[in-house]
C-alpha atoms as a PDB file:
ATOM      1  CA  UNK A   1       5.686 138.971  70.018  1.00  0.00           C
ATOM      2  CA  UNK A   2       4.776 136.731  73.032  1.00  0.00           C
ATOM      3  CA  UNK A   3       6.321 133.160  73.520  1.00  0.00           C
ATOM      4  CA  UNK A   4       4.225 130.240  73.309  1.00  0.00           C
ATOM      5  CA  UNK A   5       4.004 127.975  76.442  1.00  0.00           C
ATOM      6  CA  UNK A   6       5.980 125.105  74.989  1.00  0.00           C
ATOM      7  CA  UNK A   7       8.788 127.575  73.605  1.00  0.00           C
ATOM      8  CA  UNK A   8       8.983 128.612  77.124  1.00  0.00           C
ATOM      9  CA  UNK A   9       9.240 125.199  78.595  1.00  0.00           C
ATOM     10  CA  UNK A  10      11.915 124.049  75.977  1.00  0.00           C
ATOM     11  CA  UNK A  11      13.931 127.189  77.017  1.00  0.00           C
ATOM     12  CA  UNK A  12      13.776 126.487  80.513  1.00  0.00           C
ATOM     13  CA  UNK A  13      14.813 122.818  80.000  1.00  0.00           C
ATOM     14  CA  UNK A  14      17.682 123.935  77.815  1.00  0.00           C
ATOM     15  CA  UNK A  15      18.785 126.193  80.418  1.00  0.00           C
ATOM     16  CA  UNK A  16      18.519 123.572  83.149  1.00  0.00           C
ATOM     17  CA  UNK A  17      20.628 121.339  81.153  1.00  0.00           C
ATOM     18  CA  UNK A  18      23.231 123.807  80.556  1.00  0.00           C
ATOM     19  CA  UNK A  19      23.286 124.526  84.141  1.00  0.00           C
ATOM     20  CA  UNK A  20      23.594 120.741  85.075  1.00  0.00           C
ATOM     21  CA  UNK A  21      26.224 120.155  82.532  1.00  0.00           C
ATOM     22  CA  UNK A  22      28.400 122.900  83.947  1.00  0.00           C
ATOM     23  CA  UNK A  23      27.922 121.621  87.469  1.00  0.00           C
ATOM     24  CA  UNK A  24      28.864 118.060  86.203  1.00  0.00           C
ATOM     25  CA  UNK A  25      32.125 119.126  84.632  1.00  0.00           C
ATOM     26  CA  UNK A  26      32.984 121.079  87.763  1.00  0.00           C
ATOM     27  CA  UNK A  27      32.310 117.860  89.883  1.00  0.00           C
ATOM     28  CA  UNK A  28      34.308 115.682  87.486  1.00  0.00           C
ATOM     29  CA  UNK A  29      37.194 118.180  87.598  1.00  0.00           C
ATOM     30  CA  UNK A  30      37.374 118.350  91.182  1.00  0.00           C
ATOM     31  CA  UNK A  31      37.157 114.214  91.436  1.00  0.00           C
ATOM     32  CA  UNK A  32      39.626 113.951  89.043  1.00  0.00           C
ATOM     33  CA  UNK A  33      42.010 116.378  90.771  1.00  0.00           C
ATOM     34  CA  UNK A  34      41.417 114.626  93.975  1.00  0.00           C
ATOM     35  CA  UNK A  35      42.016 111.176  92.514  1.00  0.00           C
ATOM     36  CA  UNK A  36      45.288 112.612  90.857  1.00  0.00           C
ATOM     37  CA  UNK A  37      46.357 113.712  94.232  1.00  0.00           C
ATOM     38  CA  UNK A  38      45.729 110.293  95.721  1.00  0.00           C
ATOM     39  CA  UNK A  39      47.778 108.578  92.963  1.00  0.00           C
ATOM     40  CA  UNK A  40      50.644 110.953  93.613  1.00  0.00           C
ATOM     41  CA  UNK A  41      50.502 110.079  97.311  1.00  0.00           C
ATOM     42  CA  UNK A  42      50.432 106.356  96.509  1.00  0.00           C
ATOM     43  CA  UNK A  43      53.281 106.605  94.165  1.00  0.00           C
ATOM     44  CA  UNK A  44      55.519 108.579  96.816  1.00  0.00           C
ATOM     45  CA  UNK A  45      54.805 105.761  99.263  1.00  0.00           C
ATOM     46  CA  UNK A  46      55.692 102.896  96.965  1.00  0.00           C
ATOM     47  CA  UNK A  47      58.844 105.017  96.014  1.00  0.00           C
ATOM     48  CA  UNK A  48      59.754 105.255  99.787  1.00  0.00           C
ATOM     49  CA  UNK A  49      58.953 101.674 100.334  1.00  0.00           C
ATOM     50  CA  UNK A  50      61.349 100.801  97.405  1.00  0.00           C
ATOM     51  CA  UNK A  51      64.016 102.993  98.907  1.00  0.00           C
ATOM     52  CA  UNK A  52      63.915 101.194 102.273  1.00  0.00           C
ATOM     53  CA  UNK A  53      63.951  97.835 100.374  1.00  0.00           C
ATOM     54  CA  UNK A  54      66.931  98.798  98.511  1.00  0.00           C
ATOM     55  CA  UNK A  55      68.685  99.948 101.369  1.00  0.00           C
ATOM     56  CA  UNK A  56      67.847  96.713 103.384  1.00  0.00           C
ATOM     57  CA  UNK A  57      69.172  94.659 100.453  1.00  0.00           C
ATOM     58  CA  UNK A  58      72.279  96.609 100.239  1.00  0.00           C
ATOM     59  CA  UNK A  59      72.835  96.242 104.133  1.00  0.00           C
ATOM     60  CA  UNK A  60      72.274  92.405 103.629  1.00  0.00           C
ATOM     61  CA  UNK A  61      74.552  91.974 100.762  1.00  0.00           C
ATOM     62  CA  UNK A  62      77.219  94.000 102.850  1.00  0.00           C
ATOM     63  CA  UNK A  63      76.610  91.714 105.648  1.00  0.00           C
ATOM     64  CA  UNK A  64      76.884  88.664 103.610  1.00  0.00           C
ATOM     65  CA  UNK A  65      80.114  89.896 102.213  1.00  0.00           C
ATOM     66  CA  UNK A  66      81.566  90.474 105.289  1.00  0.00           C
ATOM     67  CA  UNK A  67      80.679  87.087 106.618  1.00  0.00           C
ATOM     68  CA  UNK A  68      82.192  85.663 103.630  1.00  0.00           C
ATOM     69  CA  UNK A  69      85.578  87.324 104.475  1.00  0.00           C
ATOM     70  CA  UNK A  70      86.043  86.021 107.818  1.00  0.00           C
ATOM     71  CA  UNK A  71      87.125  82.516 108.665  1.00  0.00           C
ATOM     72  CA  UNK A  72      84.839  79.564 109.159  1.00  0.00           C
ATOM     73  CA  UNK A  73      85.490  79.351 113.011  1.00  0.00           C
ATOM     74  CA  UNK A  74      84.926  82.920 113.401  1.00  0.00           C
ATOM     75  CA  UNK A  75      81.564  82.517 111.886  1.00  0.00           C
ATOM     76  CA  UNK A  76      81.017  79.465 114.164  1.00  0.00           C
ATOM     77  CA  UNK A  77      81.852  81.700 117.274  1.00  0.00           C
ATOM     78  CA  UNK A  78      79.100  84.121 116.122  1.00  0.00           C
ATOM     79  CA  UNK A  79      76.576  81.775 115.624  1.00  0.00           C
ATOM     80  CA  UNK A  80      77.238  80.111 119.048  1.00  0.00           C
ATOM     81  CA  UNK A  81      77.252  83.671 120.851  1.00  0.00           C
ATOM     82  CA  UNK A  82      74.085  84.474 119.398  1.00  0.00           C
ATOM     83  CA  UNK A  83      72.352  81.223 120.319  1.00  0.00           C
ATOM     84  CA  UNK A  84      73.444  81.832 123.838  1.00  0.00           C
ATOM     85  CA  UNK A  85      72.275  85.355 123.838  1.00  0.00           C
ATOM     86  CA  UNK A  86      75.690  87.008 124.601  1.00  0.00           C
ATOM     87  CA  UNK A  87      75.882  89.836 122.159  1.00  0.00           C
ATOM     88  CA  UNK A  88      74.205  93.203 122.231  1.00  0.00           C
ATOM     89  CA  UNK A  89      74.338  93.820 118.484  1.00  0.00           C
ATOM     90  CA  UNK A  90      75.129  90.328 117.052  1.00  0.00           C
ATOM     91  CA  UNK A  91      78.004  91.054 114.880  1.00  0.00           C
ATOM     92  CA  UNK A  92      81.524  90.208 114.029  1.00  0.00           C
ATOM     93  CA  UNK A  93      84.278  92.692 114.936  1.00  0.00           C
ATOM     94  CA  UNK A  94      87.692  91.469 114.037  1.00  0.00           C
ATOM     95  CA  UNK A  95      89.908  88.111 114.967  1.00  0.00           C
ATOM     96  CA  UNK A  96      93.410  88.005 116.372  1.00  0.00           C
ATOM     97  CA  UNK A  97      95.264  85.013 115.648  1.00  0.00           C
ATOM     98  CA  UNK A  98      98.557  83.962 117.771  1.00  0.00           C
ATOM     99  CA  UNK A  99     100.603  81.436 115.939  1.00  0.00           C
ATOM    100  CA  UNK A 100     103.594  79.663 117.035  1.00  0.00           C
ATOM    101  CA  UNK A 101     105.728  81.758 114.410  1.00  0.00           C
ATOM    102  CA  UNK A 102     104.716  84.873 116.482  1.00  0.00           C
ATOM    103  CA  UNK A 103     104.224  83.549 120.132  1.00  0.00           C
ATOM    104  CA  UNK A 104     106.209  80.591 120.223  1.00  0.00           C
ATOM    105  CA  UNK A 105     103.769  78.122 121.520  1.00  0.00           C
ATOM    106  CA  UNK A 106     106.023  75.250 120.640  1.00  0.00           C
ATOM    107  CA  UNK A 107     105.317  71.499 120.228  1.00  0.00           C
ATOM    108  CA  UNK A 108     103.238  69.834 123.064  1.00  0.00           C
ATOM    109  CA  UNK A 109     102.984  72.800 125.295  1.00  0.00           C
ATOM    110  CA  UNK A 110     100.350  75.249 126.361  1.00  0.00           C
ATOM    111  CA  UNK A 111     102.643  77.666 128.402  1.00  0.00           C
ATOM    112  CA  UNK A 112     102.457  81.365 127.250  1.00  0.00           C
ATOM    113  CA  UNK A 113     105.854  82.862 126.147  1.00  0.00           C
ATOM    114  CA  UNK A 114     106.886  86.370 126.858  1.00  0.00           C
ATOM    115  CA  UNK A 115     105.883  86.945 123.090  1.00  0.00           C
ATOM    116  CA  UNK A 116     102.467  85.609 123.600  1.00  0.00           C
ATOM    117  CA  UNK A 117     101.922  87.528 126.758  1.00  0.00           C
ATOM    118  CA  UNK A 118     103.031  90.889 125.054  1.00  0.00           C
ATOM    119  CA  UNK A 119     100.641  89.997 122.329  1.00  0.00           C
ATOM    120  CA  UNK A 120      97.726  89.534 124.441  1.00  0.00           C
ATOM    121  CA  UNK A 121      98.623  92.992 126.467  1.00  0.00           C
ATOM    122  CA  UNK A 122      98.347  94.620 123.003  1.00  0.00           C
ATOM    123  CA  UNK A 123      95.046  92.847 122.347  1.00  0.00           C
ATOM    124  CA  UNK A 124      93.435  93.667 125.716  1.00  0.00           C
ATOM    125  CA  UNK A 125      94.833  97.347 125.228  1.00  0.00           C
ATOM    126  CA  UNK A 126      92.992  97.766 121.914  1.00  0.00           C
ATOM    127  CA  UNK A 127      89.802  96.567 123.475  1.00  0.00           C
ATOM    128  CA  UNK A 128      90.063  98.879 126.396  1.00  0.00           C
ATOM    129  CA  UNK A 129      90.553 101.921 123.766  1.00  0.00           C
ATOM    130  CA  UNK A 130      87.443 100.784 122.012  1.00  0.00           C
ATOM    131  CA  UNK A 131      85.546 101.005 125.119  1.00  0.00           C
ATOM    132  CA  UNK A 132      83.079  98.310 124.241  1.00  0.00           C
ATOM    133  CA  UNK A 133      81.472  95.459 126.208  1.00  0.00           C
ATOM    134  CA  UNK A 134      82.742  92.879 123.636  1.00  0.00           C
ATOM    135  CA  UNK A 135      82.420  89.210 123.949  1.00  0.00           C
ATOM    136  CA  UNK A 136      85.540  87.189 123.037  1.00  0.00           C
ATOM    137  CA  UNK A 137      85.827  83.642 122.071  1.00  0.00           C
ATOM    138  CA  UNK A 138      88.967  81.895 122.498  1.00  0.00           C
ATOM    139  CA  UNK A 139      89.793  79.126 120.262  1.00  0.00           C
ATOM    140  CA  UNK A 140      92.567  76.512 120.765  1.00  0.00           C
ATOM    141  CA  UNK A 141      94.368  74.858 117.668  1.00  0.00           C
ATOM    142  CA  UNK A 142      96.889  72.190 117.118  1.00  0.00           C
ATOM    143  CA  UNK A 143      98.891  70.534 114.411  1.00  0.00           C
ATOM    144  CA  UNK A 144      98.065  67.258 113.359  1.00  0.00           C
ATOM    145  CA  UNK A 145     100.629  65.098 115.448  1.00  0.00           C
ATOM    146  CA  UNK A 146      98.942  62.873 117.878  1.00  0.00           C
ATOM    147  CA  UNK A 147      95.441  61.486 118.443  1.00  0.00           C
ATOM    148  CA  UNK A 148      92.299  63.363 118.089  1.00  0.00           C
ATOM    149  CA  UNK A 149      91.554  63.380 121.895  1.00  0.00           C
ATOM    150  CA  UNK A 150      95.007  64.414 122.814  1.00  0.00           C
ATOM    151  CA  UNK A 151      94.925  67.333 120.472  1.00  0.00           C
ATOM    152  CA  UNK A 152      91.497  68.451 121.397  1.00  0.00           C
ATOM    153  CA  UNK A 153      92.746  68.658 125.085  1.00  0.00           C
ATOM    154  CA  UNK A 154      95.987  70.431 124.224  1.00  0.00           C
ATOM    155  CA  UNK A 155      93.929  73.019 122.114  1.00  0.00           C
ATOM    156  CA  UNK A 156      91.612  73.602 125.344  1.00  0.00           C
ATOM    157  CA  UNK A 157      94.691  73.831 127.434  1.00  0.00           C
ATOM    158  CA  UNK A 158      96.026  76.680 125.218  1.00  0.00           C
ATOM    159  CA  UNK A 159      92.483  78.366 125.079  1.00  0.00           C
ATOM    160  CA  UNK A 160      92.596  78.114 128.977  1.00  0.00           C
ATOM    161  CA  UNK A 161      95.964  79.622 129.293  1.00  0.00           C
ATOM    162  CA  UNK A 162      94.897  82.625 127.135  1.00  0.00           C
ATOM    163  CA  UNK A 163      91.658  83.103 129.212  1.00  0.00           C
ATOM    164  CA  UNK A 164      93.444  82.914 132.578  1.00  0.00           C
ATOM    165  CA  UNK A 165      96.002  85.506 131.430  1.00  0.00           C
ATOM    166  CA  UNK A 166      93.438  87.986 130.275  1.00  0.00           C
ATOM    167  CA  UNK A 167      91.254  87.646 133.254  1.00  0.00           C
ATOM    168  CA  UNK A 168      94.368  87.715 135.953  1.00  0.00           C
ATOM    169  CA  UNK A 169      96.725  90.030 134.052  1.00  0.00           C
ATOM    170  CA  UNK A 170      94.038  92.345 132.378  1.00  0.00           C
ATOM    171  CA  UNK A 171      90.974  92.082 134.601  1.00  0.00           C
ATOM    172  CA  UNK A 172      89.080  90.936 131.622  1.00  0.00           C
ATOM    173  CA  UNK A 173      85.619  89.411 133.016  1.00  0.00           C
ATOM    174  CA  UNK A 174      85.195  85.802 132.601  1.00  0.00           C
ATOM    175  CA  UNK A 175      81.467  86.072 131.747  1.00  0.00           C
ATOM    176  CA  UNK A 176      82.783  87.720 128.563  1.00  0.00           C
ATOM    177  CA  UNK A 177      84.705  85.029 127.629  1.00  0.00           C
ATOM    178  CA  UNK A 178      84.339  81.541 126.023  1.00  0.00           C
ATOM    179  CA  UNK A 179      86.672  79.066 125.289  1.00  0.00           C
ATOM    180  CA  UNK A 180      86.640  75.941 122.839  1.00  0.00           C
ATOM    181  CA  UNK A 181      89.033  73.600 121.370  1.00  0.00           C
ATOM    182  CA  UNK A 182      89.106  72.845 117.690  1.00  0.00           C
ATOM    183  CA  UNK A 183      92.136  70.413 118.156  1.00  0.00           C
ATOM    184  CA  UNK A 184      93.625  69.576 114.793  1.00  0.00           C
ATOM    185  CA  UNK A 185      90.163  69.827 112.902  1.00  0.00           C
ATOM    186  CA  UNK A 186      90.877  73.289 111.397  1.00  0.00           C
ATOM    187  CA  UNK A 187      94.125  73.587 110.033  1.00  0.00           C
ATOM    188  CA  UNK A 188      95.254  76.871 108.192  1.00  0.00           C
ATOM    189  CA  UNK A 189      98.274  75.410 106.597  1.00  0.00           C
ATOM    190  CA  UNK A 190      99.704  72.225 105.282  1.00  0.00           C
ATOM    191  CA  UNK A 191     100.582  69.943 108.082  1.00  0.00           C
ATOM    192  CA  UNK A 192     103.116  67.958 106.276  1.00  0.00           C
ATOM    193  CA  UNK A 193     105.832  70.760 106.740  1.00  0.00           C
ATOM    194  CA  UNK A 194     107.326  72.066 109.690  1.00  0.00           C
ATOM    195  CA  UNK A 195     106.240  75.679 108.825  1.00  0.00           C
ATOM    196  CA  UNK A 196     102.778  74.392 108.266  1.00  0.00           C
ATOM    197  CA  UNK A 197     102.539  72.654 111.641  1.00  0.00           C
ATOM    198  CA  UNK A 198     104.001  75.782 113.338  1.00  0.00           C
ATOM    199  CA  UNK A 199     101.191  77.959 111.949  1.00  0.00           C
ATOM    200  CA  UNK A 200      98.624  75.435 112.787  1.00  0.00           C
ATOM    201  CA  UNK A 201      99.610  75.714 116.444  1.00  0.00           C
ATOM    202  CA  UNK A 202      97.662  78.661 117.271  1.00  0.00           C
ATOM    203  CA  UNK A 203      94.869  80.423 119.433  1.00  0.00           C
ATOM    204  CA  UNK A 204      92.489  82.624 117.758  1.00  0.00           C
ATOM    205  CA  UNK A 205      90.559  85.264 119.541  1.00  0.00           C
ATOM    206  CA  UNK A 206      87.169  86.292 117.979  1.00  0.00           C
ATOM    207  CA  UNK A 207      85.917  89.673 119.172  1.00  0.00           C
ATOM    208  CA  UNK A 208      82.139  90.023 118.723  1.00  0.00           C
ATOM    209  CA  UNK A 209      79.763  92.703 119.789  1.00  0.00           C
END
């Protein structure tokens, strides 16, 4: 039995539609796979970026916590050194405080006692062992007895005495040292007591990198 022409046409159209449908499904499947791969790549990039942000936040939080643990005058020293472009990494390392209790600065004097010189020798030895080109700010402080001008000058004399000793006795380069006087403006103890005034008569050495 022979097929009529119109039946042949219908069969050809049906076959063509079937072939086209298979091709379309294959194309859609391939495109879907490519899209899924791209989505996975983007998701991976997002997760990687989030990980970097989290690490940055943790580093920033640790830095802020450390800054909160150091004295205000040490934070001031770090800021001044950064503004002056003196630091390699711009960070606080440690602070050494020489008080009258330890080094016997005494009232109305900037002379270095044998105890003060021994403490500075230890300080210089630590820096040499660390083998870093650190920057040191030497801060002179006084008790509250006397005028603001007088105590500012006395604080500077104490800081200068320390700088001179570190340079002449320990060969510490002068360009790596800054001196400043706070006078009586930054007490760490009560000036109403003899013990408190002794603590306030001090020199702080802030070590920065």
